[in-house]
Amino acid sequence: HQLLRLRQFAHGTTALIFLTALSGAFVAGLDAGLVYNSFPKMGER
């Protein structure tokens, strides 16, 4: 049961990483990285 859960967890993590990478393409395409350069807050909020 634990091995099955680990496999499911790994597949879900893979999908999340893939989605994160795709969101990075939108950041690049819109030059969205230039909007805010502070972390963890975005500006003062």
ModelCIF file with pLDDT and N, C-alpha, C, O atoms, coordinates in Angstrom:
data_MODEL
#
_entry.id   MODEL 
#
_entity.id                         1 
_entity.type                       polymer 
_entity.pdbx_number_of_molecules   1 
#
_entity_poly.entity_id                      1 
_entity_poly.type                           'polypeptide(L)' 
_entity_poly.nstd_linkage                   no 
_entity_poly.nstd_monomer                   no 
_entity_poly.pdbx_seq_one_letter_code       HQLLRLRQFAHGTTALIFLTALSGAFVAGLDAGLVYNSFPKMGER 
_entity_poly.pdbx_seq_one_letter_code_can   HQLLRLRQFAHGTTALIFLTALSGAFVAGLDAGLVYNSFPKMGER 
_entity_poly.pdbx_strand_id                 A 
#
loop_
_entity_poly_seq.entity_id 
_entity_poly_seq.num 
_entity_poly_seq.mon_id 
_entity_poly_seq.hetero 
1 1  HIS n 
1 2  GLN n 
1 3  LEU n 
1 4  LEU n 
1 5  ARG n 
1 6  LEU n 
1 7  ARG n 
1 8  GLN n 
1 9  PHE n 
1 10 ALA n 
1 11 HIS n 
1 12 GLY n 
1 13 THR n 
1 14 THR n 
1 15 ALA n 
1 16 LEU n 
1 17 ILE n 
1 18 PHE n 
1 19 LEU n 
1 20 THR n 
1 21 ALA n 
1 22 LEU n 
1 23 SER n 
1 24 GLY n 
1 25 ALA n 
1 26 PHE n 
1 27 VAL n 
1 28 ALA n 
1 29 GLY n 
1 30 LEU n 
1 31 ASP n 
1 32 ALA n 
1 33 GLY n 
1 34 LEU n 
1 35 VAL n 
1 36 TYR n 
1 37 ASN n 
1 38 SER n 
1 39 PHE n 
1 40 PRO n 
1 41 LYS n 
1 42 MET n 
1 43 GLY n 
1 44 GLU n 
1 45 ARG n 
#
_struct_asym.id          A 
_struct_asym.entity_id   1 
#
loop_
_ma_qa_metric.id 
_ma_qa_metric.mode 
_ma_qa_metric.name 
_ma_qa_metric.software_group_id 
_ma_qa_metric.type 
1 global pLDDT . pLDDT 
2 local  pLDDT . pLDDT 
#
_ma_qa_metric_global.metric_id      1 
_ma_qa_metric_global.metric_value   93.40 
_ma_qa_metric_global.model_id       1 
_ma_qa_metric_global.ordinal_id     1 
#
loop_
_ma_qa_metric_local.label_asym_id 
_ma_qa_metric_local.label_comp_id 
_ma_qa_metric_local.label_seq_id 
_ma_qa_metric_local.metric_id 
_ma_qa_metric_local.metric_value 
_ma_qa_metric_local.model_id 
_ma_qa_metric_local.ordinal_id 
A HIS 1  2 88.00 1 1  
A GLN 2  2 89.00 1 2  
A LEU 3  2 89.00 1 3  
A LEU 4  2 90.00 1 4  
A ARG 5  2 93.00 1 5  
A LEU 6  2 92.00 1 6  
A ARG 7  2 92.00 1 7  
A GLN 8  2 94.00 1 8  
A PHE 9  2 95.00 1 9  
A ALA 10 2 96.00 1 10 
A HIS 11 2 96.00 1 11 
A GLY 12 2 97.00 1 12 
A THR 13 2 97.00 1 13 
A THR 14 2 96.00 1 14 
A ALA 15 2 97.00 1 15 
A LEU 16 2 97.00 1 16 
A ILE 17 2 97.00 1 17 
A PHE 18 2 97.00 1 18 
A LEU 19 2 97.00 1 19 
A THR 20 2 97.00 1 20 
A ALA 21 2 96.00 1 21 
A LEU 22 2 96.00 1 22 
A SER 23 2 97.00 1 23 
A GLY 24 2 96.00 1 24 
A ALA 25 2 95.00 1 25 
A PHE 26 2 96.00 1 26 
A VAL 27 2 96.00 1 27 
A ALA 28 2 93.00 1 28 
A GLY 29 2 91.00 1 29 
A LEU 30 2 92.00 1 30 
A ASP 31 2 91.00 1 31 
A ALA 32 2 92.00 1 32 
A GLY 33 2 91.00 1 33 
A LEU 34 2 91.00 1 34 
A VAL 35 2 92.00 1 35 
A TYR 36 2 92.00 1 36 
A ASN 37 2 92.00 1 37 
A SER 38 2 92.00 1 38 
A PHE 39 2 91.00 1 39 
A PRO 40 2 91.00 1 40 
A LYS 41 2 92.00 1 41 
A MET 42 2 92.00 1 42 
A GLY 43 2 89.00 1 43 
A GLU 44 2 90.00 1 44 
A ARG 45 2 91.00 1 45 
#
loop_
_atom_site.group_PDB 
_atom_site.id 
_atom_site.type_symbol 
_atom_site.label_atom_id 
_atom_site.label_alt_id 
_atom_site.label_comp_id 
_atom_site.label_asym_id 
_atom_site.label_entity_id 
_atom_site.label_seq_id 
_atom_site.pdbx_PDB_ins_code 
_atom_site.Cartn_x 
_atom_site.Cartn_y 
_atom_site.Cartn_z 
_atom_site.occupancy 
_atom_site.B_iso_or_equiv 
_atom_site.pdbx_formal_charge 
_atom_site.auth_seq_id 
_atom_site.auth_comp_id 
_atom_site.auth_asym_id 
_atom_site.auth_atom_id 
_atom_site.pdbx_PDB_model_num 
ATOM 1   N N  . HIS A 1 1  ? 0.827  -1.201 0.000   1.00 88.00 ? 1  HIS A N  1 
ATOM 2   C CA . HIS A 1 1  ? 0.000  0.000  0.000   1.00 88.00 ? 1  HIS A CA 1 
ATOM 3   C C  . HIS A 1 1  ? 0.866  1.258  0.000   1.00 88.00 ? 1  HIS A C  1 
ATOM 4   O O  . HIS A 1 1  ? 0.558  2.228  -0.692  1.00 88.00 ? 1  HIS A O  1 
ATOM 5   N N  . GLN A 1 2  ? 1.957  1.239  0.783   1.00 89.00 ? 2  GLN A N  1 
ATOM 6   C CA . GLN A 1 2  ? 2.848  2.400  0.846   1.00 89.00 ? 2  GLN A CA 1 
ATOM 7   C C  . GLN A 1 2  ? 3.542  2.653  -0.487  1.00 89.00 ? 2  GLN A C  1 
ATOM 8   O O  . GLN A 1 2  ? 3.706  3.800  -0.901  1.00 89.00 ? 2  GLN A O  1 
ATOM 9   N N  . LEU A 1 3  ? 3.951  1.571  -1.159  1.00 89.00 ? 3  LEU A N  1 
ATOM 10  C CA . LEU A 1 3  ? 4.618  1.710  -2.453  1.00 89.00 ? 3  LEU A CA 1 
ATOM 11  C C  . LEU A 1 3  ? 3.660  2.277  -3.502  1.00 89.00 ? 3  LEU A C  1 
ATOM 12  O O  . LEU A 1 3  ? 4.050  3.094  -4.336  1.00 89.00 ? 3  LEU A O  1 
ATOM 13  N N  . LEU A 1 4  ? 2.412  1.837  -3.449  1.00 90.00 ? 4  LEU A N  1 
ATOM 14  C CA . LEU A 1 4  ? 1.402  2.357  -4.370  1.00 90.00 ? 4  LEU A CA 1 
ATOM 15  C C  . LEU A 1 4  ? 1.175  3.851  -4.132  1.00 90.00 ? 4  LEU A C  1 
ATOM 16  O O  . LEU A 1 4  ? 1.061  4.628  -5.079  1.00 90.00 ? 4  LEU A O  1 
ATOM 17  N N  . ARG A 1 5  ? 1.112  4.240  -2.861  1.00 93.00 ? 5  ARG A N  1 
ATOM 18  C CA . ARG A 1 5  ? 0.944  5.664  -2.533  1.00 93.00 ? 5  ARG A CA 1 
ATOM 19  C C  . ARG A 1 5  ? 2.147  6.491  -2.985  1.00 93.00 ? 5  ARG A C  1 
ATOM 20  O O  . ARG A 1 5  ? 1.991  7.614  -3.466  1.00 93.00 ? 5  ARG A O  1 
ATOM 21  N N  . LEU A 1 6  ? 3.343  5.931  -2.830  1.00 92.00 ? 6  LEU A N  1 
ATOM 22  C CA . LEU A 1 6  ? 4.549  6.631  -3.274  1.00 92.00 ? 6  LEU A CA 1 
ATOM 23  C C  . LEU A 1 6  ? 4.520  6.849  -4.788  1.00 92.00 ? 6  LEU A C  1 
ATOM 24  O O  . LEU A 1 6  ? 4.878  7.922  -5.272  1.00 92.00 ? 6  LEU A O  1 
ATOM 25  N N  . ARG A 1 7  ? 4.094  5.829  -5.527  1.00 92.00 ? 7  ARG A N  1 
ATOM 26  C CA . ARG A 1 7  ? 4.012  5.953  -6.982  1.00 92.00 ? 7  ARG A CA 1 
ATOM 27  C C  . ARG A 1 7  ? 2.995  7.020  -7.378  1.00 92.00 ? 7  ARG A C  1 
ATOM 28  O O  . ARG A 1 7  ? 3.260  7.834  -8.263  1.00 92.00 ? 7  ARG A O  1 
ATOM 29  N N  . GLN A 1 8  ? 1.843  7.020  -6.731  1.00 94.00 ? 8  GLN A N  1 
ATOM 30  C CA . GLN A 1 8  ? 0.820  8.032  -7.021  1.00 94.00 ? 8  GLN A CA 1 
ATOM 31  C C  . GLN A 1 8  ? 1.314  9.433  -6.672  1.00 94.00 ? 8  GLN A C  1 
ATOM 32  O O  . GLN A 1 8  ? 1.077  10.391 -7.408  1.00 94.00 ? 8  GLN A O  1 
ATOM 33  N N  . PHE A 1 9  ? 2.000  9.534  -5.547  1.00 95.00 ? 9  PHE A N  1 
ATOM 34  C CA . PHE A 1 9  ? 2.564  10.809 -5.092  1.00 95.00 ? 9  PHE A CA 1 
ATOM 35  C C  . PHE A 1 9  ? 3.597  11.309 -6.103  1.00 95.00 ? 9  PHE A C  1 
ATOM 36  O O  . PHE A 1 9  ? 3.644  12.499 -6.413  1.00 95.00 ? 9  PHE A O  1 
ATOM 37  N N  . ALA A 1 10 ? 4.428  10.385 -6.616  1.00 96.00 ? 10 ALA A N  1 
ATOM 38  C CA . ALA A 1 10 ? 5.454  10.749 -7.600  1.00 96.00 ? 10 ALA A CA 1 
ATOM 39  C C  . ALA A 1 10 ? 4.813  11.240 -8.897  1.00 96.00 ? 10 ALA A C  1 
ATOM 40  O O  . ALA A 1 10 ? 5.287  12.207 -9.494  1.00 96.00 ? 10 ALA A O  1 
ATOM 41  N N  . HIS A 1 11 ? 3.745  10.584 -9.334  1.00 96.00 ? 11 HIS A N  1 
ATOM 42  C CA . HIS A 1 11 ? 3.054  11.007 -10.560 1.00 96.00 ? 11 HIS A CA 1 
ATOM 43  C C  . HIS A 1 11 ? 2.410  12.378 -10.374 1.00 96.00 ? 11 HIS A C  1 
ATOM 44  O O  . HIS A 1 11 ? 2.459  13.220 -11.270 1.00 96.00 ? 11 HIS A O  1 
ATOM 45  N N  . GLY A 1 12 ? 1.809  12.595 -9.213  1.00 97.00 ? 12 GLY A N  1 
ATOM 46  C CA . GLY A 1 12 ? 1.211  13.901 -8.938  1.00 97.00 ? 12 GLY A CA 1 
ATOM 47  C C  . GLY A 1 12 ? 2.245  15.011 -8.879  1.00 97.00 ? 12 GLY A C  1 
ATOM 48  O O  . GLY A 1 12 ? 2.002  16.119 -9.356  1.00 97.00 ? 12 GLY A O  1 
ATOM 49  N N  . THR A 1 13 ? 3.407  14.715 -8.289  1.00 97.00 ? 13 THR A N  1 
ATOM 50  C CA . THR A 1 13 ? 4.498  15.697 -8.223  1.00 97.00 ? 13 THR A CA 1 
ATOM 51  C C  . THR A 1 13 ? 5.013  16.013 -9.619  1.00 97.00 ? 13 THR A C  1 
ATOM 52  O O  . THR A 1 13 ? 5.312  17.166 -9.928  1.00 97.00 ? 13 THR A O  1 
ATOM 53  N N  . THR A 1 14 ? 5.117  14.990 -10.462 1.00 96.00 ? 14 THR A N  1 
ATOM 54  C CA . THR A 1 14 ? 5.541  15.185 -11.853 1.00 96.00 ? 14 THR A CA 1 
ATOM 55  C C  . THR A 1 14 ? 4.604  16.144 -12.573 1.00 96.00 ? 14 THR A C  1 
ATOM 56  O O  . THR A 1 14 ? 5.055  17.061 -13.260 1.00 96.00 ? 14 THR A O  1 
ATOM 57  N N  . ALA A 1 15 ? 3.304  15.934 -12.418 1.00 97.00 ? 15 ALA A N  1 
ATOM 58  C CA . ALA A 1 15 ? 2.315  16.804 -13.067 1.00 97.00 ? 15 ALA A CA 1 
ATOM 59  C C  . ALA A 1 15 ? 2.430  18.240 -12.562 1.00 97.00 ? 15 ALA A C  1 
ATOM 60  O O  . ALA A 1 15 ? 2.297  19.187 -13.337 1.00 97.00 ? 15 ALA A O  1 
ATOM 61  N N  . LEU A 1 16 ? 2.675  18.397 -11.265 1.00 97.00 ? 16 LEU A N  1 
ATOM 62  C CA . LEU A 1 16 ? 2.809  19.737 -10.677 1.00 97.00 ? 16 LEU A CA 1 
ATOM 63  C C  . LEU A 1 16 ? 4.053  20.447 -11.212 1.00 97.00 ? 16 LEU A C  1 
ATOM 64  O O  . LEU A 1 16 ? 4.008  21.638 -11.521 1.00 97.00 ? 16 LEU A O  1 
ATOM 65  N N  . ILE A 1 17 ? 5.162  19.714 -11.321 1.00 97.00 ? 17 ILE A N  1 
ATOM 66  C CA . ILE A 1 17 ? 6.397  20.294 -11.858 1.00 97.00 ? 17 ILE A CA 1 
ATOM 67  C C  . ILE A 1 17 ? 6.203  20.691 -13.325 1.00 97.00 ? 17 ILE A C  1 
ATOM 68  O O  . ILE A 1 17 ? 6.674  21.746 -13.751 1.00 97.00 ? 17 ILE A O  1 
ATOM 69  N N  . PHE A 1 18 ? 5.523  19.862 -14.081 1.00 97.00 ? 18 PHE A N  1 
ATOM 70  C CA . PHE A 1 18 ? 5.240  20.153 -15.495 1.00 97.00 ? 18 PHE A CA 1 
ATOM 71  C C  . PHE A 1 18 ? 4.411  21.427 -15.622 1.00 97.00 ? 18 PHE A C  1 
ATOM 72  O O  . PHE A 1 18 ? 4.688  22.277 -16.468 1.00 97.00 ? 18 PHE A O  1 
ATOM 73  N N  . LEU A 1 19 ? 3.389  21.551 -14.771 1.00 97.00 ? 19 LEU A N  1 
ATOM 74  C CA . LEU A 1 19 ? 2.541  22.743 -14.780 1.00 97.00 ? 19 LEU A CA 1 
ATOM 75  C C  . LEU A 1 19 ? 3.337  23.991 -14.398 1.00 97.00 ? 19 LEU A C  1 
ATOM 76  O O  . LEU A 1 19 ? 3.123  25.064 -14.962 1.00 97.00 ? 19 LEU A O  1 
ATOM 77  N N  . THR A 1 20 ? 4.253  23.850 -13.439 1.00 97.00 ? 20 THR A N  1 
ATOM 78  C CA . THR A 1 20 ? 5.103  24.969 -13.024 1.00 97.00 ? 20 THR A CA 1 
ATOM 79  C C  . THR A 1 20 ? 5.996  25.432 -14.171 1.00 97.00 ? 20 THR A C  1 
ATOM 80  O O  . THR A 1 20 ? 6.168  26.630 -14.393 1.00 97.00 ? 20 THR A O  1 
ATOM 81  N N  . ALA A 1 21 ? 6.558  24.471 -14.894 1.00 96.00 ? 21 ALA A N  1 
ATOM 82  C CA . ALA A 1 21 ? 7.412  24.806 -16.043 1.00 96.00 ? 21 ALA A CA 1 
ATOM 83  C C  . ALA A 1 21 ? 6.609  25.534 -17.123 1.00 96.00 ? 21 ALA A C  1 
ATOM 84  O O  . ALA A 1 21 ? 7.093  26.504 -17.707 1.00 96.00 ? 21 ALA A O  1 
ATOM 85  N N  . LEU A 1 22 ? 5.397  25.073 -17.387 1.00 96.00 ? 22 LEU A N  1 
ATOM 86  C CA . LEU A 1 22 ? 4.545  25.739 -18.380 1.00 96.00 ? 22 LEU A CA 1 
ATOM 87  C C  . LEU A 1 22 ? 4.205  27.156 -17.945 1.00 96.00 ? 22 LEU A C  1 
ATOM 88  O O  . LEU A 1 22 ? 4.158  28.068 -18.771 1.00 96.00 ? 22 LEU A O  1 
ATOM 89  N N  . SER A 1 23 ? 3.969  27.344 -16.648 1.00 97.00 ? 23 SER A N  1 
ATOM 90  C CA . SER A 1 23 ? 3.679  28.700 -16.165 1.00 97.00 ? 23 SER A CA 1 
ATOM 91  C C  . SER A 1 23 ? 4.893  29.602 -16.347 1.00 97.00 ? 23 SER A C  1 
ATOM 92  O O  . SER A 1 23 ? 4.749  30.809 -16.542 1.00 97.00 ? 23 SER A O  1 
ATOM 93  N N  . GLY A 1 24 ? 6.086  29.022 -16.284 1.00 96.00 ? 24 GLY A N  1 
ATOM 94  C CA . GLY A 1 24 ? 7.311  29.779 -16.542 1.00 96.00 ? 24 GLY A CA 1 
ATOM 95  C C  . GLY A 1 24 ? 7.378  30.283 -17.971 1.00 96.00 ? 24 GLY A C  1 
ATOM 96  O O  . GLY A 1 24 ? 7.921  31.358 -18.229 1.00 96.00 ? 24 GLY A O  1 
ATOM 97  N N  . ALA A 1 25 ? 6.824  29.508 -18.909 1.00 95.00 ? 25 ALA A N  1 
ATOM 98  C CA . ALA A 1 25 ? 6.775  29.949 -20.307 1.00 95.00 ? 25 ALA A CA 1 
ATOM 99  C C  . ALA A 1 25 ? 5.889  31.183 -20.452 1.00 95.00 ? 25 ALA A C  1 
ATOM 100 O O  . ALA A 1 25 ? 6.194  32.072 -21.247 1.00 95.00 ? 25 ALA A O  1 
ATOM 101 N N  . PHE A 1 26 ? 4.797  31.245 -19.692 1.00 96.00 ? 26 PHE A N  1 
ATOM 102 C CA . PHE A 1 26 ? 3.929  32.431 -19.730 1.00 96.00 ? 26 PHE A CA 1 
ATOM 103 C C  . PHE A 1 26 ? 4.645  33.633 -19.119 1.00 96.00 ? 26 PHE A C  1 
ATOM 104 O O  . PHE A 1 26 ? 4.485  34.758 -19.592 1.00 96.00 ? 26 PHE A O  1 
ATOM 105 N N  . VAL A 1 27 ? 5.437  33.395 -18.064 1.00 96.00 ? 27 VAL A N  1 
ATOM 106 C CA . VAL A 1 27 ? 6.234  34.476 -17.479 1.00 96.00 ? 27 VAL A CA 1 
ATOM 107 C C  . VAL A 1 27 ? 7.199  35.035 -18.517 1.00 96.00 ? 27 VAL A C  1 
ATOM 108 O O  . VAL A 1 27 ? 7.326  36.251 -18.662 1.00 96.00 ? 27 VAL A O  1 
ATOM 109 N N  . ALA A 1 28 ? 7.877  34.145 -19.239 1.00 93.00 ? 28 ALA A N  1 
ATOM 110 C CA . ALA A 1 28 ? 8.843  34.574 -20.253 1.00 93.00 ? 28 ALA A CA 1 
ATOM 111 C C  . ALA A 1 28 ? 8.144  35.283 -21.410 1.00 93.00 ? 28 ALA A C  1 
ATOM 112 O O  . ALA A 1 28 ? 8.609  36.317 -21.889 1.00 93.00 ? 28 ALA A O  1 
ATOM 113 N N  . GLY A 1 29 ? 7.020  34.715 -21.855 1.00 91.00 ? 29 GLY A N  1 
ATOM 114 C CA . GLY A 1 29 ? 6.319  35.277 -23.006 1.00 91.00 ? 29 GLY A CA 1 
ATOM 115 C C  . GLY A 1 29 ? 5.759  36.666 -22.765 1.00 91.00 ? 29 GLY A C  1 
ATOM 116 O O  . GLY A 1 29 ? 5.656  37.469 -23.692 1.00 91.00 ? 29 GLY A O  1 
ATOM 117 N N  . LEU A 1 30 ? 5.392  36.955 -21.505 1.00 92.00 ? 30 LEU A N  1 
ATOM 118 C CA . LEU A 1 30 ? 4.811  38.264 -21.165 1.00 92.00 ? 30 LEU A CA 1 
ATOM 119 C C  . LEU A 1 30 ? 5.816  39.203 -20.489 1.00 92.00 ? 30 LEU A C  1 
ATOM 120 O O  . LEU A 1 30 ? 5.453  40.307 -20.081 1.00 92.00 ? 30 LEU A O  1 
ATOM 121 N N  . ASP A 1 31 ? 7.072  38.773 -20.369 1.00 91.00 ? 31 ASP A N  1 
ATOM 122 C CA . ASP A 1 31 ? 8.069  39.536 -19.604 1.00 91.00 ? 31 ASP A CA 1 
ATOM 123 C C  . ASP A 1 31 ? 7.564  39.817 -18.191 1.00 91.00 ? 31 ASP A C  1 
ATOM 124 O O  . ASP A 1 31 ? 7.840  40.868 -17.613 1.00 91.00 ? 31 ASP A O  1 
ATOM 125 N N  . ALA A 1 32 ? 6.816  38.850 -17.646 1.00 92.00 ? 32 ALA A N  1 
ATOM 126 C CA . ALA A 1 32 ? 6.189  39.040 -16.330 1.00 92.00 ? 32 ALA A CA 1 
ATOM 127 C C  . ALA A 1 32 ? 7.207  39.083 -15.204 1.00 92.00 ? 32 ALA A C  1 
ATOM 128 O O  . ALA A 1 32 ? 6.901  39.565 -14.114 1.00 92.00 ? 32 ALA A O  1 
ATOM 129 N N  . GLY A 1 33 ? 8.414  38.587 -15.449 1.00 91.00 ? 33 GLY A N  1 
ATOM 130 C CA . GLY A 1 33 ? 9.446  38.638 -14.424 1.00 91.00 ? 33 GLY A CA 1 
ATOM 131 C C  . GLY A 1 33 ? 9.917  40.047 -14.116 1.00 91.00 ? 33 GLY A C  1 
ATOM 132 O O  . GLY A 1 33 ? 10.573 40.280 -13.100 1.00 91.00 ? 33 GLY A O  1 
ATOM 133 N N  . LEU A 1 34 ? 9.582  40.992 -14.994 1.00 91.00 ? 34 LEU A N  1 
ATOM 134 C CA . LEU A 1 34 ? 10.006 42.379 -14.798 1.00 91.00 ? 34 LEU A CA 1 
ATOM 135 C C  . LEU A 1 34 ? 9.019  43.182 -13.952 1.00 91.00 ? 34 LEU A C  1 
ATOM 136 O O  . LEU A 1 34 ? 9.308  44.318 -13.577 1.00 91.00 ? 34 LEU A O  1 
ATOM 137 N N  . VAL A 1 35 ? 7.860  42.602 -13.649 1.00 92.00 ? 35 VAL A N  1 
ATOM 138 C CA . VAL A 1 35 ? 6.814  43.355 -12.946 1.00 92.00 ? 35 VAL A CA 1 
ATOM 139 C C  . VAL A 1 35 ? 7.164  43.541 -11.475 1.00 92.00 ? 35 VAL A C  1 
ATOM 140 O O  . VAL A 1 35 ? 7.084  44.655 -10.956 1.00 92.00 ? 35 VAL A O  1 
ATOM 141 N N  . TYR A 1 36 ? 7.551  42.465 -10.798 1.00 92.00 ? 36 TYR A N  1 
ATOM 142 C CA . TYR A 1 36 ? 7.945  42.525 -9.387  1.00 92.00 ? 36 TYR A CA 1 
ATOM 143 C C  . TYR A 1 36 ? 9.272  41.791 -9.213  1.00 92.00 ? 36 TYR A C  1 
ATOM 144 O O  . TYR A 1 36 ? 9.450  40.699 -9.753  1.00 92.00 ? 36 TYR A O  1 
ATOM 145 N N  . ASN A 1 37 ? 10.197 42.377 -8.467  1.00 92.00 ? 37 ASN A N  1 
ATOM 146 C CA . ASN A 1 37 ? 11.489 41.727 -8.241  1.00 92.00 ? 37 ASN A CA 1 
ATOM 147 C C  . ASN A 1 37 ? 11.780 41.508 -6.756  1.00 92.00 ? 37 ASN A C  1 
ATOM 148 O O  . ASN A 1 37 ? 12.936 41.345 -6.363  1.00 92.00 ? 37 ASN A O  1 
ATOM 149 N N  . SER A 1 38 ? 10.730 41.505 -5.934  1.00 92.00 ? 38 SER A N  1 
ATOM 150 C CA . SER A 1 38 ? 10.888 41.266 -4.493  1.00 92.00 ? 38 SER A CA 1 
ATOM 151 C C  . SER A 1 38 ? 10.224 39.939 -4.125  1.00 92.00 ? 38 SER A C  1 
ATOM 152 O O  . SER A 1 38 ? 9.272  39.506 -4.773  1.00 92.00 ? 38 SER A O  1 
ATOM 153 N N  . PHE A 1 39 ? 10.744 39.305 -3.075  1.00 91.00 ? 39 PHE A N  1 
ATOM 154 C CA . PHE A 1 39 ? 10.209 38.009 -2.644  1.00 91.00 ? 39 PHE A CA 1 
ATOM 155 C C  . PHE A 1 39 ? 10.391 37.883 -1.125  1.00 91.00 ? 39 PHE A C  1 
ATOM 156 O O  . PHE A 1 39 ? 11.434 38.306 -0.626  1.00 91.00 ? 39 PHE A O  1 
ATOM 157 N N  . PRO A 1 40 ? 9.465  37.342 -0.380  1.00 91.00 ? 40 PRO A N  1 
ATOM 158 C CA . PRO A 1 40 ? 8.249  36.672 -0.841  1.00 91.00 ? 40 PRO A CA 1 
ATOM 159 C C  . PRO A 1 40 ? 7.097  37.612 -1.199  1.00 91.00 ? 40 PRO A C  1 
ATOM 160 O O  . PRO A 1 40 ? 6.167  37.205 -1.895  1.00 91.00 ? 40 PRO A O  1 
ATOM 161 N N  . LYS A 1 41 ? 7.144  38.876 -0.728  1.00 92.00 ? 41 LYS A N  1 
ATOM 162 C CA . LYS A 1 41 ? 6.091  39.815 -1.092  1.00 92.00 ? 41 LYS A CA 1 
ATOM 163 C C  . LYS A 1 41 ? 6.278  40.295 -2.523  1.00 92.00 ? 41 LYS A C  1 
ATOM 164 O O  . LYS A 1 41 ? 7.382  40.256 -3.066  1.00 92.00 ? 41 LYS A O  1 
ATOM 165 N N  . MET A 1 42 ? 5.189  40.747 -3.121  1.00 92.00 ? 42 MET A N  1 
ATOM 166 C CA . MET A 1 42 ? 5.248  41.363 -4.441  1.00 92.00 ? 42 MET A CA 1 
ATOM 167 C C  . MET A 1 42 ? 5.068  42.866 -4.224  1.00 92.00 ? 42 MET A C  1 
ATOM 168 O O  . MET A 1 42 ? 3.950  43.356 -4.064  1.00 92.00 ? 42 MET A O  1 
ATOM 169 N N  . GLY A 1 43 ? 6.192  43.584 -4.221  1.00 89.00 ? 43 GLY A N  1 
ATOM 170 C CA . GLY A 1 43 ? 6.160  44.981 -3.818  1.00 89.00 ? 43 GLY A CA 1 
ATOM 171 C C  . GLY A 1 43 ? 5.983  45.048 -2.314  1.00 89.00 ? 43 GLY A C  1 
ATOM 172 O O  . GLY A 1 43 ? 6.759  44.459 -1.562  1.00 89.00 ? 43 GLY A O  1 
ATOM 173 N N  . GLU A 1 44 ? 4.963  45.765 -1.880  1.00 90.00 ? 44 GLU A N  1 
ATOM 174 C CA . GLU A 1 44 ? 4.686  45.886 -0.447  1.00 90.00 ? 44 GLU A CA 1 
ATOM 175 C C  . GLU A 1 44 ? 3.539  44.988 0.000   1.00 90.00 ? 44 GLU A C  1 
ATOM 176 O O  . GLU A 1 44 ? 3.121  45.048 1.156   1.00 90.00 ? 44 GLU A O  1 
ATOM 177 N N  . ARG A 1 45 ? 3.026  44.157 -0.903  1.00 91.00 ? 45 ARG A N  1 
ATOM 178 C CA . ARG A 1 45 ? 1.835  43.375 -0.594  1.00 91.00 ? 45 ARG A CA 1 
ATOM 179 C C  . ARG A 1 45 ? 2.091  41.888 -0.820  1.00 91.00 ? 45 ARG A C  1 
ATOM 180 O O  . ARG A 1 45 ? 1.196  41.069 -0.610  1.00 91.00 ? 45 ARG A O  1 
#
